Amino acid sequence: MFRAWWGLREGLATAPTFASLRARISGATGLWAVWRALRAEAPERLSREEVWVYGCELVRELSQVTLEGSGDLPARAALLAQTIDELRGVLRDLEPHDAGPAWLGAVRRFYAEGSP
């Protein structure tokens, strides 16, 4: 998943227009489609904690996107910011509320100091 998020970050950074950025976020194979597919796998293959970690990493990668740009840069930046905010909201609902597995504490600290 991490490699997918890295590729997505690069794709978003180089999206030349608002329409292309929106397609990479909301299109049939865009960010939200991948996120929905990942969440659909959760009950079968991934724990809730793992999905939450992947989401935190996605927010971290999105927060590092530097949009290249021209005239529609403000609109693209607004769309990216909105996407990050929406994903953070989803993650607040997904965040494990109990102690969880032993590794979860270290991961929480990492992302608390980072972006989500």
N, C-alpha and C. Protein backbone atom coordinates (compact mmCIF):
# COMPACT_ATOMS: atom_id res chain seq x y z
N MET A 1 0.82 -1.19 0.00
CA MET A 1 0.00 0.00 0.00
C MET A 1 0.87 1.26 0.00
N PHE A 2 1.96 1.20 0.73
CA PHE A 2 2.79 2.39 0.82
C PHE A 2 3.29 2.83 -0.57
N ARG A 3 3.67 1.87 -1.38
CA ARG A 3 4.12 2.22 -2.74
C ARG A 3 2.98 2.82 -3.54
N ALA A 4 1.79 2.31 -3.35
CA ALA A 4 0.62 2.89 -4.04
C ALA A 4 0.43 4.34 -3.62
N TRP A 5 0.56 4.61 -2.33
CA TRP A 5 0.40 5.99 -1.85
C TRP A 5 1.50 6.89 -2.39
N TRP A 6 2.73 6.37 -2.48
CA TRP A 6 3.82 7.18 -3.03
C TRP A 6 3.54 7.53 -4.49
N GLY A 7 3.06 6.55 -5.25
CA GLY A 7 2.72 6.79 -6.65
C GLY A 7 1.57 7.78 -6.77
N LEU A 8 0.60 7.66 -5.90
CA LEU A 8 -0.52 8.59 -5.91
C LEU A 8 -0.03 10.01 -5.63
N ARG A 9 0.85 10.14 -4.65
CA ARG A 9 1.40 11.47 -4.32
C ARG A 9 2.05 12.09 -5.55
N GLU A 10 2.85 11.30 -6.27
CA GLU A 10 3.51 11.81 -7.48
C GLU A 10 2.49 12.17 -8.55
N GLY A 11 1.48 11.33 -8.72
CA GLY A 11 0.45 11.60 -9.71
C GLY A 11 -0.33 12.86 -9.42
N LEU A 12 -0.64 13.08 -8.15
CA LEU A 12 -1.36 14.30 -7.78
C LEU A 12 -0.48 15.53 -7.97
N ALA A 13 0.78 15.41 -7.62
CA ALA A 13 1.68 16.55 -7.74
C ALA A 13 1.84 17.01 -9.19
N THR A 14 1.76 16.06 -10.11
CA THR A 14 1.99 16.41 -11.51
C THR A 14 0.70 16.57 -12.32
N ALA A 15 -0.44 16.47 -11.65
CA ALA A 15 -1.71 16.67 -12.36
C ALA A 15 -1.76 18.11 -12.89
N PRO A 16 -1.82 18.29 -14.21
CA PRO A 16 -1.68 19.63 -14.77
C PRO A 16 -2.92 20.51 -14.69
N THR A 17 -4.09 19.90 -14.47
CA THR A 17 -5.33 20.69 -14.44
C THR A 17 -6.19 20.24 -13.27
N PHE A 18 -7.19 21.05 -12.96
CA PHE A 18 -8.15 20.71 -11.92
C PHE A 18 -8.86 19.40 -12.27
N ALA A 19 -9.27 19.27 -13.52
CA ALA A 19 -10.00 18.07 -13.95
C ALA A 19 -9.14 16.82 -13.78
N SER A 20 -7.87 16.91 -14.11
CA SER A 20 -7.01 15.73 -13.96
C SER A 20 -6.77 15.40 -12.49
N LEU A 21 -6.66 16.41 -11.66
CA LEU A 21 -6.50 16.18 -10.22
C LEU A 21 -7.77 15.54 -9.66
N ARG A 22 -8.91 16.06 -10.04
CA ARG A 22 -10.18 15.51 -9.57
C ARG A 22 -10.32 14.05 -10.01
N ALA A 23 -9.92 13.74 -11.23
CA ALA A 23 -9.99 12.35 -11.71
C ALA A 23 -9.08 11.45 -10.89
N ARG A 24 -7.92 11.92 -10.50
CA ARG A 24 -6.98 11.12 -9.72
C ARG A 24 -7.45 10.95 -8.28
N ILE A 25 -8.35 11.83 -7.86
CA ILE A 25 -8.92 11.72 -6.51
C ILE A 25 -10.24 10.96 -6.53
N SER A 26 -11.14 11.34 -7.44
CA SER A 26 -12.51 10.81 -7.41
C SER A 26 -12.86 9.90 -8.57
N GLY A 27 -11.97 9.70 -9.50
CA GLY A 27 -12.26 8.87 -10.68
C GLY A 27 -12.38 7.40 -10.35
N ALA A 28 -12.69 6.62 -11.36
CA ALA A 28 -12.93 5.19 -11.19
C ALA A 28 -11.74 4.44 -10.61
N THR A 29 -10.55 4.92 -10.85
CA THR A 29 -9.35 4.29 -10.28
C THR A 29 -8.59 5.26 -9.37
N GLY A 30 -9.28 6.28 -8.91
CA GLY A 30 -8.65 7.32 -8.10
C GLY A 30 -8.54 6.96 -6.63
N LEU A 31 -8.09 7.92 -5.87
CA LEU A 31 -7.84 7.77 -4.44
C LEU A 31 -9.03 7.18 -3.70
N TRP A 32 -10.22 7.76 -3.87
CA TRP A 32 -11.38 7.28 -3.11
C TRP A 32 -11.78 5.87 -3.52
N ALA A 33 -11.62 5.52 -4.78
CA ALA A 33 -11.93 4.15 -5.22
C ALA A 33 -10.98 3.16 -4.57
N VAL A 34 -9.72 3.50 -4.52
CA VAL A 34 -8.73 2.62 -3.88
C VAL A 34 -9.01 2.52 -2.39
N TRP A 35 -9.35 3.63 -1.77
CA TRP A 35 -9.65 3.64 -0.34
C TRP A 35 -10.88 2.76 -0.04
N ARG A 36 -11.92 2.89 -0.87
CA ARG A 36 -13.11 2.05 -0.67
C ARG A 36 -12.77 0.57 -0.82
N ALA A 37 -11.95 0.25 -1.80
CA ALA A 37 -11.54 -1.14 -2.00
C ALA A 37 -10.73 -1.65 -0.81
N LEU A 38 -9.86 -0.83 -0.30
CA LEU A 38 -9.05 -1.20 0.86
C LEU A 38 -9.95 -1.47 2.06
N ARG A 39 -10.91 -0.59 2.28
CA ARG A 39 -11.83 -0.77 3.41
C ARG A 39 -12.71 -2.00 3.23
N ALA A 40 -13.04 -2.31 2.00
CA ALA A 40 -13.86 -3.49 1.74
C ALA A 40 -13.09 -4.77 2.05
N GLU A 41 -11.78 -4.73 1.92
CA GLU A 41 -10.94 -5.88 2.23
C GLU A 41 -10.79 -6.08 3.73
N ALA A 42 -11.00 -5.02 4.48
CA ALA A 42 -10.70 -5.04 5.91
C ALA A 42 -11.29 -6.22 6.66
N PRO A 43 -12.57 -6.50 6.53
CA PRO A 43 -13.10 -7.61 7.33
C PRO A 43 -12.49 -8.97 6.95
N GLU A 44 -12.07 -9.11 5.71
CA GLU A 44 -11.55 -10.39 5.25
C GLU A 44 -10.04 -10.56 5.47
N ARG A 45 -9.30 -9.50 5.23
CA ARG A 45 -7.83 -9.65 5.22
C ARG A 45 -7.09 -8.70 6.14
N LEU A 46 -7.68 -7.57 6.45
CA LEU A 46 -6.99 -6.55 7.22
C LEU A 46 -7.77 -6.22 8.49
N SER A 47 -7.04 -5.99 9.55
CA SER A 47 -7.70 -5.57 10.79
C SER A 47 -8.06 -4.09 10.67
N ARG A 48 -8.94 -3.66 11.52
CA ARG A 48 -9.32 -2.24 11.58
C ARG A 48 -8.09 -1.37 11.83
N GLU A 49 -7.20 -1.85 12.69
CA GLU A 49 -5.98 -1.10 12.99
C GLU A 49 -5.11 -0.94 11.75
N GLU A 50 -4.99 -2.01 10.97
CA GLU A 50 -4.18 -1.94 9.75
C GLU A 50 -4.77 -0.95 8.75
N VAL A 51 -6.06 -0.96 8.58
CA VAL A 51 -6.71 -0.01 7.67
C VAL A 51 -6.46 1.41 8.17
N TRP A 52 -6.56 1.62 9.46
CA TRP A 52 -6.32 2.94 10.04
C TRP A 52 -4.88 3.39 9.76
N VAL A 53 -3.92 2.50 9.92
CA VAL A 53 -2.52 2.84 9.65
C VAL A 53 -2.34 3.22 8.18
N TYR A 54 -2.90 2.44 7.28
CA TYR A 54 -2.80 2.76 5.85
C TYR A 54 -3.42 4.12 5.56
N GLY A 55 -4.52 4.42 6.21
CA GLY A 55 -5.16 5.72 6.04
C GLY A 55 -4.30 6.85 6.57
N CYS A 56 -3.68 6.64 7.72
CA CYS A 56 -2.79 7.67 8.28
C CYS A 56 -1.62 7.93 7.34
N GLU A 57 -1.10 6.88 6.75
CA GLU A 57 0.01 7.05 5.80
C GLU A 57 -0.48 7.77 4.55
N LEU A 58 -1.68 7.49 4.13
CA LEU A 58 -2.23 8.21 2.97
C LEU A 58 -2.34 9.70 3.27
N VAL A 59 -2.85 10.06 4.43
CA VAL A 59 -2.92 11.48 4.81
C VAL A 59 -1.52 12.08 4.84
N ARG A 60 -0.58 11.36 5.38
CA ARG A 60 0.81 11.85 5.44
C ARG A 60 1.34 12.13 4.04
N GLU A 61 1.11 11.21 3.12
CA GLU A 61 1.58 11.40 1.74
C GLU A 61 0.85 12.56 1.07
N LEU A 62 -0.45 12.65 1.25
CA LEU A 62 -1.21 13.74 0.64
C LEU A 62 -0.74 15.09 1.18
N SER A 63 -0.39 15.13 2.44
CA SER A 63 0.07 16.38 3.05
C SER A 63 1.42 16.82 2.50
N GLN A 64 2.14 15.92 1.84
CA GLN A 64 3.44 16.24 1.28
C GLN A 64 3.38 16.59 -0.21
N VAL A 65 2.17 16.55 -0.78
CA VAL A 65 2.03 16.87 -2.20
C VAL A 65 2.33 18.35 -2.41
N THR A 66 3.21 18.63 -3.35
CA THR A 66 3.47 19.99 -3.80
C THR A 66 2.94 20.08 -5.22
N LEU A 67 1.86 20.81 -5.36
CA LEU A 67 1.23 20.93 -6.67
C LEU A 67 2.05 21.81 -7.60
N GLU A 68 2.26 21.33 -8.80
CA GLU A 68 2.91 22.14 -9.82
C GLU A 68 1.81 23.00 -10.41
N GLY A 69 2.18 24.18 -10.89
CA GLY A 69 1.00 24.82 -11.36
C GLY A 69 1.00 26.14 -12.02
N SER A 70 -0.21 26.35 -12.46
CA SER A 70 -0.52 27.55 -13.20
C SER A 70 -1.82 28.14 -12.68
N GLY A 71 -2.66 28.61 -13.58
CA GLY A 71 -3.85 29.37 -13.26
C GLY A 71 -4.84 28.74 -12.31
N ASP A 72 -5.04 27.43 -12.39
CA ASP A 72 -6.04 26.83 -11.51
C ASP A 72 -5.42 26.23 -10.24
N LEU A 73 -4.21 26.65 -9.91
CA LEU A 73 -3.53 26.15 -8.72
C LEU A 73 -4.36 26.35 -7.46
N PRO A 74 -4.99 27.51 -7.22
CA PRO A 74 -5.80 27.66 -6.00
C PRO A 74 -6.95 26.65 -5.92
N ALA A 75 -7.60 26.37 -7.04
CA ALA A 75 -8.70 25.40 -7.04
C ALA A 75 -8.18 24.00 -6.78
N ARG A 76 -7.05 23.66 -7.35
CA ARG A 76 -6.46 22.33 -7.12
C ARG A 76 -6.03 22.19 -5.67
N ALA A 77 -5.43 23.24 -5.12
CA ALA A 77 -5.00 23.21 -3.72
C ALA A 77 -6.21 23.06 -2.79
N ALA A 78 -7.29 23.72 -3.11
CA ALA A 78 -8.50 23.61 -2.29
C ALA A 78 -9.07 22.20 -2.35
N LEU A 79 -9.08 21.59 -3.53
CA LEU A 79 -9.58 20.22 -3.66
C LEU A 79 -8.71 19.25 -2.87
N LEU A 80 -7.41 19.42 -2.95
CA LEU A 80 -6.51 18.55 -2.20
C LEU A 80 -6.73 18.72 -0.70
N ALA A 81 -6.85 19.96 -0.24
CA ALA A 81 -7.08 20.22 1.19
C ALA A 81 -8.41 19.61 1.65
N GLN A 82 -9.43 19.73 0.83
CA GLN A 82 -10.73 19.15 1.16
C GLN A 82 -10.63 17.62 1.26
N THR A 83 -9.90 17.03 0.36
CA THR A 83 -9.72 15.58 0.36
C THR A 83 -9.01 15.14 1.63
N ILE A 84 -7.97 15.85 2.02
CA ILE A 84 -7.23 15.53 3.25
C ILE A 84 -8.16 15.66 4.45
N ASP A 85 -8.94 16.72 4.51
CA ASP A 85 -9.86 16.91 5.63
C ASP A 85 -10.90 15.79 5.70
N GLU A 86 -11.44 15.41 4.56
CA GLU A 86 -12.43 14.33 4.53
C GLU A 86 -11.82 13.01 5.00
N LEU A 87 -10.62 12.74 4.53
CA LEU A 87 -9.96 11.50 4.94
C LEU A 87 -9.64 11.52 6.43
N ARG A 88 -9.23 12.65 6.96
CA ARG A 88 -8.98 12.75 8.41
C ARG A 88 -10.25 12.46 9.20
N GLY A 89 -11.39 12.94 8.70
CA GLY A 89 -12.67 12.65 9.36
C GLY A 89 -12.96 11.15 9.37
N VAL A 90 -12.71 10.50 8.26
CA VAL A 90 -12.91 9.05 8.18
C VAL A 90 -11.99 8.35 9.18
N LEU A 91 -10.77 8.82 9.27
CA LEU A 91 -9.80 8.19 10.17
C LEU A 91 -10.17 8.38 11.63
N ARG A 92 -10.76 9.52 11.97
CA ARG A 92 -11.21 9.72 13.35
C ARG A 92 -12.24 8.66 13.72
N ASP A 93 -13.11 8.33 12.77
CA ASP A 93 -14.12 7.30 13.02
C ASP A 93 -13.51 5.90 13.07
N LEU A 94 -12.43 5.68 12.36
CA LEU A 94 -11.79 4.36 12.30
C LEU A 94 -10.77 4.13 13.42
N GLU A 95 -10.28 5.19 14.01
CA GLU A 95 -9.18 5.05 14.97
C GLU A 95 -9.55 4.09 16.08
N PRO A 96 -8.69 3.14 16.35
CA PRO A 96 -8.95 2.19 17.44
C PRO A 96 -8.99 2.93 18.78
N HIS A 97 -10.00 2.64 19.57
CA HIS A 97 -10.16 3.35 20.84
C HIS A 97 -9.59 2.58 22.02
N ASP A 98 -9.31 1.32 21.82
CA ASP A 98 -8.71 0.55 22.90
C ASP A 98 -7.20 0.48 22.71
N ALA A 99 -6.54 -0.19 23.59
CA ALA A 99 -5.08 -0.27 23.50
C ALA A 99 -4.64 -0.95 22.21
N GLY A 100 -5.39 -1.96 21.78
CA GLY A 100 -5.05 -2.64 20.54
C GLY A 100 -3.78 -3.45 20.66
N PRO A 101 -3.27 -3.91 19.53
CA PRO A 101 -2.02 -4.69 19.53
C PRO A 101 -0.86 -3.85 20.07
N ALA A 102 0.17 -4.52 20.51
CA ALA A 102 1.33 -3.84 21.11
C ALA A 102 1.95 -2.81 20.17
N TRP A 103 1.97 -3.08 18.89
CA TRP A 103 2.61 -2.19 17.93
C TRP A 103 1.83 -0.89 17.72
N LEU A 104 0.57 -0.87 18.11
CA LEU A 104 -0.27 0.28 17.80
C LEU A 104 0.16 1.55 18.53
N GLY A 105 0.68 1.43 19.74
CA GLY A 105 1.11 2.61 20.49
C GLY A 105 2.22 3.36 19.76
N ALA A 106 3.20 2.64 19.26
CA ALA A 106 4.30 3.28 18.53
C ALA A 106 3.81 3.94 17.25
N VAL A 107 2.88 3.29 16.58
CA VAL A 107 2.34 3.85 15.34
C VAL A 107 1.53 5.11 15.64
N ARG A 108 0.74 5.08 16.70
CA ARG A 108 -0.03 6.28 17.09
C ARG A 108 0.91 7.45 17.35
N ARG A 109 1.98 7.19 18.09
CA ARG A 109 2.94 8.27 18.39
C ARG A 109 3.56 8.82 17.12
N PHE A 110 3.91 7.93 16.19
CA PHE A 110 4.53 8.37 14.93
C PHE A 110 3.59 9.31 14.18
N TYR A 111 2.34 8.91 14.03
CA TYR A 111 1.41 9.73 13.24
C TYR A 111 0.93 10.95 14.01
N ALA A 112 0.90 10.89 15.34
CA ALA A 112 0.52 12.06 16.13
C ALA A 112 1.56 13.17 15.97
N GLU A 113 2.82 12.79 15.83
CA GLU A 113 3.88 13.77 15.66
C GLU A 113 3.97 14.22 14.20
N GLY A 114 3.39 13.42 13.30
CA GLY A 114 3.41 13.73 11.87
C GLY A 114 2.19 14.52 11.47
N SER A 115 1.39 13.96 10.56
CA SER A 115 0.33 14.75 9.97
C SER A 115 -1.10 14.51 10.45
N PRO A 116 -1.56 13.28 10.71
CA PRO A 116 -2.99 13.14 11.04
C PRO A 116 -3.39 13.68 12.38
